[in-house]
Amino acid sequence: ELARALVAQPKLLMLDEPAGGLNHTE
């Protein structure tokens, strides 16, 4: 999903809780 947001070559990237559901290593 992050790659999909990047592919439009944005000036502003908004990330809504990207760490949700990830473990400490992730």
mmCIF file of all heavy atoms, coordinates in Angstrom:
data_MODEL
# 
_entry.id   MODEL 
# 
loop_
_atom_site.group_PDB 
_atom_site.id 
_atom_site.type_symbol 
_atom_site.label_atom_id 
_atom_site.label_alt_id 
_atom_site.label_comp_id 
_atom_site.label_asym_id 
_atom_site.label_entity_id 
_atom_site.label_seq_id 
_atom_site.pdbx_PDB_ins_code 
_atom_site.Cartn_x 
_atom_site.Cartn_y 
_atom_site.Cartn_z 
_atom_site.occupancy 
_atom_site.B_iso_or_equiv 
_atom_site.pdbx_formal_charge 
_atom_site.auth_seq_id 
_atom_site.auth_comp_id 
_atom_site.auth_asym_id 
_atom_site.auth_atom_id 
_atom_site.pdbx_PDB_model_num 
ATOM 1   N N   . GLU A 1 1  ? 0.831  -1.201 0.000   1.00 0.00 ? 1  GLU A N   1 
ATOM 2   C CA  . GLU A 1 1  ? 0.000  0.000  0.000   1.00 0.00 ? 1  GLU A CA  1 
ATOM 3   C C   . GLU A 1 1  ? 0.869  1.256  0.000   1.00 0.00 ? 1  GLU A C   1 
ATOM 4   O O   . GLU A 1 1  ? 0.541  2.259  -0.649  1.00 0.00 ? 1  GLU A O   1 
ATOM 5   C CB  . GLU A 1 1  ? -0.929 0.009  1.207   1.00 0.00 ? 1  GLU A CB  1 
ATOM 6   C CG  . GLU A 1 1  ? -1.937 1.155  1.149   1.00 0.00 ? 1  GLU A CG  1 
ATOM 7   C CD  . GLU A 1 1  ? -2.865 1.200  2.346   1.00 0.00 ? 1  GLU A CD  1 
ATOM 8   O OE1 . GLU A 1 1  ? -2.401 0.938  3.462   1.00 0.00 ? 1  GLU A OE1 1 
ATOM 9   O OE2 . GLU A 1 1  ? -4.053 1.510  2.157   1.00 0.00 ? 1  GLU A OE2 1 
ATOM 10  N N   . LEU A 1 2  ? 1.984  1.198  0.676   1.00 0.00 ? 2  LEU A N   1 
ATOM 11  C CA  . LEU A 1 2  ? 2.914  2.322  0.683   1.00 0.00 ? 2  LEU A CA  1 
ATOM 12  C C   . LEU A 1 2  ? 3.494  2.542  -0.715  1.00 0.00 ? 2  LEU A C   1 
ATOM 13  O O   . LEU A 1 2  ? 3.608  3.685  -1.185  1.00 0.00 ? 2  LEU A O   1 
ATOM 14  C CB  . LEU A 1 2  ? 4.026  2.046  1.694   1.00 0.00 ? 2  LEU A CB  1 
ATOM 15  C CG  . LEU A 1 2  ? 5.049  3.138  1.945   1.00 0.00 ? 2  LEU A CG  1 
ATOM 16  C CD1 . LEU A 1 2  ? 4.383  4.472  2.241   1.00 0.00 ? 2  LEU A CD1 1 
ATOM 17  C CD2 . LEU A 1 2  ? 5.972  2.741  3.088   1.00 0.00 ? 2  LEU A CD2 1 
ATOM 18  N N   . ALA A 1 3  ? 3.838  1.464  -1.399  1.00 0.00 ? 3  ALA A N   1 
ATOM 19  C CA  . ALA A 1 3  ? 4.332  1.587  -2.780  1.00 0.00 ? 3  ALA A CA  1 
ATOM 20  C C   . ALA A 1 3  ? 3.272  2.216  -3.675  1.00 0.00 ? 3  ALA A C   1 
ATOM 21  O O   . ALA A 1 3  ? 3.581  3.037  -4.549  1.00 0.00 ? 3  ALA A O   1 
ATOM 22  C CB  . ALA A 1 3  ? 4.735  0.212  -3.316  1.00 0.00 ? 3  ALA A CB  1 
ATOM 23  N N   . ARG A 1 4  ? 2.010  1.847  -3.473  1.00 0.00 ? 4  ARG A N   1 
ATOM 24  C CA  . ARG A 1 4  ? 0.921  2.422  -4.275  1.00 0.00 ? 4  ARG A CA  1 
ATOM 25  C C   . ARG A 1 4  ? 0.802  3.925  -4.046  1.00 0.00 ? 4  ARG A C   1 
ATOM 26  O O   . ARG A 1 4  ? 0.520  4.690  -4.975  1.00 0.00 ? 4  ARG A O   1 
ATOM 27  C CB  . ARG A 1 4  ? -0.406 1.724  -3.957  1.00 0.00 ? 4  ARG A CB  1 
ATOM 28  C CG  . ARG A 1 4  ? -1.552 2.194  -4.834  1.00 0.00 ? 4  ARG A CG  1 
ATOM 29  C CD  . ARG A 1 4  ? -2.802 1.362  -4.627  1.00 0.00 ? 4  ARG A CD  1 
ATOM 30  N NE  . ARG A 1 4  ? -3.339 1.495  -3.285  1.00 0.00 ? 4  ARG A NE  1 
ATOM 31  C CZ  . ARG A 1 4  ? -4.362 0.769  -2.817  1.00 0.00 ? 4  ARG A CZ  1 
ATOM 32  N NH1 . ARG A 1 4  ? -4.919 -0.154 -3.587  1.00 0.00 ? 4  ARG A NH1 1 
ATOM 33  N NH2 . ARG A 1 4  ? -4.806 0.950  -1.593  1.00 0.00 ? 4  ARG A NH2 1 
ATOM 34  N N   . ALA A 1 5  ? 1.014  4.359  -2.803  1.00 0.00 ? 5  ALA A N   1 
ATOM 35  C CA  . ALA A 1 5  ? 0.974  5.799  -2.516  1.00 0.00 ? 5  ALA A CA  1 
ATOM 36  C C   . ALA A 1 5  ? 2.169  6.518  -3.135  1.00 0.00 ? 5  ALA A C   1 
ATOM 37  O O   . ALA A 1 5  ? 2.056  7.661  -3.577  1.00 0.00 ? 5  ALA A O   1 
ATOM 38  C CB  . ALA A 1 5  ? 0.941  6.023  -1.008  1.00 0.00 ? 5  ALA A CB  1 
ATOM 39  N N   . LEU A 1 6  ? 3.321  5.851  -3.189  1.00 0.00 ? 6  LEU A N   1 
ATOM 40  C CA  . LEU A 1 6  ? 4.529  6.478  -3.717  1.00 0.00 ? 6  LEU A CA  1 
ATOM 41  C C   . LEU A 1 6  ? 4.530  6.593  -5.230  1.00 0.00 ? 6  LEU A C   1 
ATOM 42  O O   . LEU A 1 6  ? 5.141  7.508  -5.790  1.00 0.00 ? 6  LEU A O   1 
ATOM 43  C CB  . LEU A 1 6  ? 5.760  5.664  -3.290  1.00 0.00 ? 6  LEU A CB  1 
ATOM 44  C CG  . LEU A 1 6  ? 6.152  5.724  -1.821  1.00 0.00 ? 6  LEU A CG  1 
ATOM 45  C CD1 . LEU A 1 6  ? 7.248  4.721  -1.539  1.00 0.00 ? 6  LEU A CD1 1 
ATOM 46  C CD2 . LEU A 1 6  ? 6.599  7.136  -1.461  1.00 0.00 ? 6  LEU A CD2 1 
ATOM 47  N N   . VAL A 1 7  ? 3.867  5.672  -5.902  1.00 0.00 ? 7  VAL A N   1 
ATOM 48  C CA  . VAL A 1 7  ? 3.987  5.596  -7.354  1.00 0.00 ? 7  VAL A CA  1 
ATOM 49  C C   . VAL A 1 7  ? 3.414  6.819  -8.044  1.00 0.00 ? 7  VAL A C   1 
ATOM 50  O O   . VAL A 1 7  ? 3.776  7.132  -9.183  1.00 0.00 ? 7  VAL A O   1 
ATOM 51  C CB  . VAL A 1 7  ? 3.325  4.293  -7.870  1.00 0.00 ? 7  VAL A CB  1 
ATOM 52  C CG1 . VAL A 1 7  ? 1.815  4.439  -7.954  1.00 0.00 ? 7  VAL A CG1 1 
ATOM 53  C CG2 . VAL A 1 7  ? 3.912  3.874  -9.208  1.00 0.00 ? 7  VAL A CG2 1 
ATOM 54  N N   . ALA A 1 8  ? 2.543  7.558  -7.373  1.00 0.00 ? 8  ALA A N   1 
ATOM 55  C CA  . ALA A 1 8  ? 1.995  8.789  -7.940  1.00 0.00 ? 8  ALA A CA  1 
ATOM 56  C C   . ALA A 1 8  ? 2.958  9.963  -7.792  1.00 0.00 ? 8  ALA A C   1 
ATOM 57  O O   . ALA A 1 8  ? 2.634  11.082 -8.187  1.00 0.00 ? 8  ALA A O   1 
ATOM 58  C CB  . ALA A 1 8  ? 0.663  9.125  -7.273  1.00 0.00 ? 8  ALA A CB  1 
ATOM 59  N N   . GLN A 1 9  ? 4.142  9.708  -7.218  1.00 0.00 ? 9  GLN A N   1 
ATOM 60  C CA  . GLN A 1 9  ? 5.178  10.719 -7.030  1.00 0.00 ? 9  GLN A CA  1 
ATOM 61  C C   . GLN A 1 9  ? 4.637  11.952 -6.291  1.00 0.00 ? 9  GLN A C   1 
ATOM 62  O O   . GLN A 1 9  ? 4.675  13.072 -6.801  1.00 0.00 ? 9  GLN A O   1 
ATOM 63  C CB  . GLN A 1 9  ? 5.788  11.112 -8.383  1.00 0.00 ? 9  GLN A CB  1 
ATOM 64  C CG  . GLN A 1 9  ? 6.433  9.931  -9.095  1.00 0.00 ? 9  GLN A CG  1 
ATOM 65  C CD  . GLN A 1 9  ? 6.953  10.256 -10.476 1.00 0.00 ? 9  GLN A CD  1 
ATOM 66  O OE1 . GLN A 1 9  ? 6.203  10.710 -11.337 1.00 0.00 ? 9  GLN A OE1 1 
ATOM 67  N NE2 . GLN A 1 9  ? 8.227  10.042 -10.694 1.00 0.00 ? 9  GLN A NE2 1 
ATOM 68  N N   . PRO A 1 10 ? 4.131  11.738 -5.079  1.00 0.00 ? 10 PRO A N   1 
ATOM 69  C CA  . PRO A 1 10 ? 3.488  12.832 -4.350  1.00 0.00 ? 10 PRO A CA  1 
ATOM 70  C C   . PRO A 1 10 ? 4.487  13.854 -3.811  1.00 0.00 ? 10 PRO A C   1 
ATOM 71  O O   . PRO A 1 10 ? 5.676  13.565 -3.648  1.00 0.00 ? 10 PRO A O   1 
ATOM 72  C CB  . PRO A 1 10 ? 2.805  12.105 -3.187  1.00 0.00 ? 10 PRO A CB  1 
ATOM 73  C CG  . PRO A 1 10 ? 3.696  10.929 -2.932  1.00 0.00 ? 10 PRO A CG  1 
ATOM 74  C CD  . PRO A 1 10 ? 4.148  10.484 -4.298  1.00 0.00 ? 10 PRO A CD  1 
ATOM 75  N N   . LYS A 1 11 ? 3.960  15.030 -3.515  1.00 0.00 ? 11 LYS A N   1 
ATOM 76  C CA  . LYS A 1 11 ? 4.723  16.038 -2.781  1.00 0.00 ? 11 LYS A CA  1 
ATOM 77  C C   . LYS A 1 11 ? 4.498  15.858 -1.279  1.00 0.00 ? 11 LYS A C   1 
ATOM 78  O O   . LYS A 1 11 ? 5.392  16.138 -0.480  1.00 0.00 ? 11 LYS A O   1 
ATOM 79  C CB  . LYS A 1 11 ? 4.278  17.439 -3.204  1.00 0.00 ? 11 LYS A CB  1 
ATOM 80  C CG  . LYS A 1 11 ? 4.512  17.724 -4.673  1.00 0.00 ? 11 LYS A CG  1 
ATOM 81  C CD  . LYS A 1 11 ? 3.861  19.033 -5.087  1.00 0.00 ? 11 LYS A CD  1 
ATOM 82  C CE  . LYS A 1 11 ? 4.006  19.253 -6.586  1.00 0.00 ? 11 LYS A CE  1 
ATOM 83  N NZ  . LYS A 1 11 ? 3.285  20.475 -7.042  1.00 0.00 ? 11 LYS A NZ  1 
ATOM 84  N N   . LEU A 1 12 ? 3.296  15.416 -0.927  1.00 0.00 ? 12 LEU A N   1 
ATOM 85  C CA  . LEU A 1 12 ? 2.947  15.146 0.467   1.00 0.00 ? 12 LEU A CA  1 
ATOM 86  C C   . LEU A 1 12 ? 2.445  13.722 0.593   1.00 0.00 ? 12 LEU A C   1 
ATOM 87  O O   . LEU A 1 12 ? 1.468  13.343 -0.063  1.00 0.00 ? 12 LEU A O   1 
ATOM 88  C CB  . LEU A 1 12 ? 1.870  16.122 0.954   1.00 0.00 ? 12 LEU A CB  1 
ATOM 89  C CG  . LEU A 1 12 ? 1.325  15.874 2.371   1.00 0.00 ? 12 LEU A CG  1 
ATOM 90  C CD1 . LEU A 1 12 ? 2.420  16.081 3.410   1.00 0.00 ? 12 LEU A CD1 1 
ATOM 91  C CD2 . LEU A 1 12 ? 0.134  16.791 2.658   1.00 0.00 ? 12 LEU A CD2 1 
ATOM 92  N N   . LEU A 1 13 ? 3.115  12.929 1.413   1.00 0.00 ? 13 LEU A N   1 
ATOM 93  C CA  . LEU A 1 13 ? 2.704  11.554 1.680   1.00 0.00 ? 13 LEU A CA  1 
ATOM 94  C C   . LEU A 1 13 ? 2.126  11.495 3.080   1.00 0.00 ? 13 LEU A C   1 
ATOM 95  O O   . LEU A 1 13 ? 2.785  11.837 4.061   1.00 0.00 ? 13 LEU A O   1 
ATOM 96  C CB  . LEU A 1 13 ? 3.912  10.612 1.579   1.00 0.00 ? 13 LEU A CB  1 
ATOM 97  C CG  . LEU A 1 13 ? 3.681  9.151  1.975   1.00 0.00 ? 13 LEU A CG  1 
ATOM 98  C CD1 . LEU A 1 13 ? 2.679  8.478  1.041   1.00 0.00 ? 13 LEU A CD1 1 
ATOM 99  C CD2 . LEU A 1 13 ? 5.011  8.393  1.993   1.00 0.00 ? 13 LEU A CD2 1 
ATOM 100 N N   . MET A 1 14 ? 0.865  11.065 3.196   1.00 0.00 ? 14 MET A N   1 
ATOM 101 C CA  . MET A 1 14 ? 0.170  10.977 4.466   1.00 0.00 ? 14 MET A CA  1 
ATOM 102 C C   . MET A 1 14 ? 0.065  9.512  4.884   1.00 0.00 ? 14 MET A C   1 
ATOM 103 O O   . MET A 1 14 ? -0.516 8.700  4.165   1.00 0.00 ? 14 MET A O   1 
ATOM 104 C CB  . MET A 1 14 ? -1.217 11.611 4.344   1.00 0.00 ? 14 MET A CB  1 
ATOM 105 C CG  . MET A 1 14 ? -1.172 13.080 3.966   1.00 0.00 ? 14 MET A CG  1 
ATOM 106 S SD  . MET A 1 14 ? -2.804 13.757 3.519   1.00 0.00 ? 14 MET A SD  1 
ATOM 107 C CE  . MET A 1 14 ? -3.758 13.373 4.981   1.00 0.00 ? 14 MET A CE  1 
ATOM 108 N N   . LEU A 1 15 ? 0.627  9.193  6.038   1.00 0.00 ? 15 LEU A N   1 
ATOM 109 C CA  . LEU A 1 15 ? 0.656  7.821  6.529   1.00 0.00 ? 15 LEU A CA  1 
ATOM 110 C C   . LEU A 1 15 ? -0.223 7.711  7.760   1.00 0.00 ? 15 LEU A C   1 
ATOM 111 O O   . LEU A 1 15 ? 0.050  8.337  8.789   1.00 0.00 ? 15 LEU A O   1 
ATOM 112 C CB  . LEU A 1 15 ? 2.094  7.416  6.877   1.00 0.00 ? 15 LEU A CB  1 
ATOM 113 C CG  . LEU A 1 15 ? 3.134  7.544  5.754   1.00 0.00 ? 15 LEU A CG  1 
ATOM 114 C CD1 . LEU A 1 15 ? 4.519  7.177  6.273   1.00 0.00 ? 15 LEU A CD1 1 
ATOM 115 C CD2 . LEU A 1 15 ? 2.746  6.662  4.567   1.00 0.00 ? 15 LEU A CD2 1 
ATOM 116 N N   . ASP A 1 16 ? -1.271 6.911  7.663   1.00 0.00 ? 16 ASP A N   1 
ATOM 117 C CA  . ASP A 1 16 ? -2.220 6.742  8.762   1.00 0.00 ? 16 ASP A CA  1 
ATOM 118 C C   . ASP A 1 16 ? -1.909 5.449  9.501   1.00 0.00 ? 16 ASP A C   1 
ATOM 119 O O   . ASP A 1 16 ? -2.233 4.355  9.055   1.00 0.00 ? 16 ASP A O   1 
ATOM 120 C CB  . ASP A 1 16 ? -3.653 6.724  8.212   1.00 0.00 ? 16 ASP A CB  1 
ATOM 121 C CG  . ASP A 1 16 ? -4.705 6.823  9.317   1.00 0.00 ? 16 ASP A CG  1 
ATOM 122 O OD1 . ASP A 1 16 ? -4.322 6.845  10.499  1.00 0.00 ? 16 ASP A OD1 1 
ATOM 123 O OD2 . ASP A 1 16 ? -5.907 6.888  8.992   1.00 0.00 ? 16 ASP A OD2 1 
ATOM 124 N N   . GLU A 1 17 ? -1.226 5.582  10.643  1.00 0.00 ? 17 GLU A N   1 
ATOM 125 C CA  . GLU A 1 17 ? -0.848 4.469  11.513  1.00 0.00 ? 17 GLU A CA  1 
ATOM 126 C C   . GLU A 1 17 ? -0.157 3.338  10.751  1.00 0.00 ? 17 GLU A C   1 
ATOM 127 O O   . GLU A 1 17 ? -0.608 2.182  10.765  1.00 0.00 ? 17 GLU A O   1 
ATOM 128 C CB  . GLU A 1 17 ? -2.063 3.960  12.286  1.00 0.00 ? 17 GLU A CB  1 
ATOM 129 C CG  . GLU A 1 17 ? -2.659 5.025  13.200  1.00 0.00 ? 17 GLU A CG  1 
ATOM 130 C CD  . GLU A 1 17 ? -3.574 4.460  14.271  1.00 0.00 ? 17 GLU A CD  1 
ATOM 131 O OE1 . GLU A 1 17 ? -3.447 3.270  14.590  1.00 0.00 ? 17 GLU A OE1 1 
ATOM 132 O OE2 . GLU A 1 17 ? -4.400 5.222  14.789  1.00 0.00 ? 17 GLU A OE2 1 
ATOM 133 N N   . PRO A 1 18 ? 0.968  3.640  10.096  1.00 0.00 ? 18 PRO A N   1 
ATOM 134 C CA  . PRO A 1 18 ? 1.672  2.597  9.326   1.00 0.00 ? 18 PRO A CA  1 
ATOM 135 C C   . PRO A 1 18 ? 2.247  1.487  10.192  1.00 0.00 ? 18 PRO A C   1 
ATOM 136 O O   . PRO A 1 18 ? 2.485  0.383  9.694   1.00 0.00 ? 18 PRO A O   1 
ATOM 137 C CB  . PRO A 1 18 ? 2.789  3.380  8.622   1.00 0.00 ? 18 PRO A CB  1 
ATOM 138 C CG  . PRO A 1 18 ? 3.022  4.569  9.504   1.00 0.00 ? 18 PRO A CG  1 
ATOM 139 C CD  . PRO A 1 18 ? 1.656  4.936  10.023  1.00 0.00 ? 18 PRO A CD  1 
ATOM 140 N N   . ALA A 1 19 ? 2.469  1.746  11.496  1.00 0.00 ? 19 ALA A N   1 
ATOM 141 C CA  . ALA A 1 19 ? 3.037  0.718  12.369  1.00 0.00 ? 19 ALA A CA  1 
ATOM 142 C C   . ALA A 1 19 ? 1.977  -0.152 13.025  1.00 0.00 ? 19 ALA A C   1 
ATOM 143 O O   . ALA A 1 19 ? 2.314  -1.101 13.737  1.00 0.00 ? 19 ALA A O   1 
ATOM 144 C CB  . ALA A 1 19 ? 3.913  1.369  13.451  1.00 0.00 ? 19 ALA A CB  1 
ATOM 145 N N   . GLY A 1 20 ? 0.698  0.146  12.809  1.00 0.00 ? 20 GLY A N   1 
ATOM 146 C CA  . GLY A 1 20 ? -0.372 -0.630 13.418  1.00 0.00 ? 20 GLY A CA  1 
ATOM 147 C C   . GLY A 1 20 ? -0.303 -2.095 13.018  1.00 0.00 ? 20 GLY A C   1 
ATOM 148 O O   . GLY A 1 20 ? -0.233 -2.423 11.841  1.00 0.00 ? 20 GLY A O   1 
ATOM 149 N N   . GLY A 1 21 ? -0.305 -2.983 13.987  1.00 0.00 ? 21 GLY A N   1 
ATOM 150 C CA  . GLY A 1 21 ? -0.292 -4.413 13.718  1.00 0.00 ? 21 GLY A CA  1 
ATOM 151 C C   . GLY A 1 21 ? 1.082  -5.000 13.446  1.00 0.00 ? 21 GLY A C   1 
ATOM 152 O O   . GLY A 1 21 ? 1.194  -6.197 13.168  1.00 0.00 ? 21 GLY A O   1 
ATOM 153 N N   . LEU A 1 22 ? 2.138  -4.180 13.546  1.00 0.00 ? 22 LEU A N   1 
ATOM 154 C CA  . LEU A 1 22 ? 3.495  -4.672 13.286  1.00 0.00 ? 22 LEU A CA  1 
ATOM 155 C C   . LEU A 1 22 ? 4.191  -5.022 14.597  1.00 0.00 ? 22 LEU A C   1 
ATOM 156 O O   . LEU A 1 22 ? 3.929  -4.415 15.642  1.00 0.00 ? 22 LEU A O   1 
ATOM 157 C CB  . LEU A 1 22 ? 4.314  -3.613 12.535  1.00 0.00 ? 22 LEU A CB  1 
ATOM 158 C CG  . LEU A 1 22 ? 3.745  -3.094 11.211  1.00 0.00 ? 22 LEU A CG  1 
ATOM 159 C CD1 . LEU A 1 22 ? 4.736  -2.130 10.568  1.00 0.00 ? 22 LEU A CD1 1 
ATOM 160 C CD2 . LEU A 1 22 ? 3.403  -4.245 10.264  1.00 0.00 ? 22 LEU A CD2 1 
ATOM 161 N N   . ASN A 1 23 ? 5.113  -5.964 14.537  1.00 0.00 ? 23 ASN A N   1 
ATOM 162 C CA  . ASN A 1 23 ? 5.898  -6.298 15.727  1.00 0.00 ? 23 ASN A CA  1 
ATOM 163 C C   . ASN A 1 23 ? 7.092  -5.345 15.843  1.00 0.00 ? 23 ASN A C   1 
ATOM 164 O O   . ASN A 1 23 ? 7.311  -4.480 14.983  1.00 0.00 ? 23 ASN A O   1 
ATOM 165 C CB  . ASN A 1 23 ? 6.340  -7.769 15.709  1.00 0.00 ? 23 ASN A CB  1 
ATOM 166 C CG  . ASN A 1 23 ? 7.245  -8.102 14.519  1.00 0.00 ? 23 ASN A CG  1 
ATOM 167 O OD1 . ASN A 1 23 ? 8.084  -7.301 14.118  1.00 0.00 ? 23 ASN A OD1 1 
ATOM 168 N ND2 . ASN A 1 23 ? 7.071  -9.300 13.974  1.00 0.00 ? 23 ASN A ND2 1 
ATOM 169 N N   . HIS A 1 24 ? 7.882  -5.492 16.908  1.00 0.00 ? 24 HIS A N   1 
ATOM 170 C CA  . HIS A 1 24 ? 8.955  -4.535 17.178  1.00 0.00 ? 24 HIS A CA  1 
ATOM 171 C C   . HIS A 1 24 ? 9.997  -4.505 16.058  1.00 0.00 ? 24 HIS A C   1 
ATOM 172 O O   . HIS A 1 24 ? 10.483 -3.434 15.678  1.00 0.00 ? 24 HIS A O   1 
ATOM 173 C CB  . HIS A 1 24 ? 9.617  -4.851 18.520  1.00 0.00 ? 24 HIS A CB  1 
ATOM 174 C CG  . HIS A 1 24 ? 8.735  -4.587 19.706  1.00 0.00 ? 24 HIS A CG  1 
ATOM 175 N ND1 . HIS A 1 24 ? 8.297  -3.323 20.028  1.00 0.00 ? 24 HIS A ND1 1 
ATOM 176 C CD2 . HIS A 1 24 ? 8.196  -5.416 20.639  1.00 0.00 ? 24 HIS A CD2 1 
ATOM 177 C CE1 . HIS A 1 24 ? 7.531  -3.368 21.107  1.00 0.00 ? 24 HIS A CE1 1 
ATOM 178 N NE2 . HIS A 1 24 ? 7.441  -4.637 21.491  1.00 0.00 ? 24 HIS A NE2 1 
ATOM 179 N N   . THR A 1 25 ? 10.333 -5.656 15.538  1.00 0.00 ? 25 THR A N   1 
ATOM 180 C CA  . THR A 1 25 ? 11.312 -5.708 14.441  1.00 0.00 ? 25 THR A CA  1 
ATOM 181 C C   . THR A 1 25 ? 10.765 -5.024 13.200  1.00 0.00 ? 25 THR A C   1 
ATOM 182 O O   . THR A 1 25 ? 11.474 -4.263 12.528  1.00 0.00 ? 25 THR A O   1 
ATOM 183 C CB  . THR A 1 25 ? 11.679 -7.167 14.117  1.00 0.00 ? 25 THR A CB  1 
ATOM 184 O OG1 . THR A 1 25 ? 12.252 -7.778 15.277  1.00 0.00 ? 25 THR A OG1 1 
ATOM 185 C CG2 . THR A 1 25 ? 12.670 -7.238 12.969  1.00 0.00 ? 25 THR A CG2 1 
ATOM 186 N N   . GLU A 1 26 ? 9.506  -5.277 12.913  1.00 0.00 ? 26 GLU A N   1 
ATOM 187 C CA  . GLU A 1 26 ? 8.878  -4.656 11.741  1.00 0.00 ? 26 GLU A CA  1 
ATOM 188 C C   . GLU A 1 26 ? 8.758  -3.145 11.899  1.00 0.00 ? 26 GLU A C   1 
ATOM 189 O O   . GLU A 1 26 ? 8.905  -2.396 10.926  1.00 0.00 ? 26 GLU A O   1 
ATOM 190 C CB  . GLU A 1 26 ? 7.507  -5.290 11.496  1.00 0.00 ? 26 GLU A CB  1 
ATOM 191 C CG  . GLU A 1 26 ? 7.581  -6.735 11.024  1.00 0.00 ? 26 GLU A CG  1 
ATOM 192 C CD  . GLU A 1 26 ? 6.239  -7.471 11.109  1.00 0.00 ? 26 GLU A CD  1 
ATOM 193 O OE1 . GLU A 1 26 ? 5.340  -6.983 11.825  1.00 0.00 ? 26 GLU A OE1 1 
ATOM 194 O OE2 . GLU A 1 26 ? 6.119  -8.540 10.483  1.00 0.00 ? 26 GLU A OE2 1 
# 
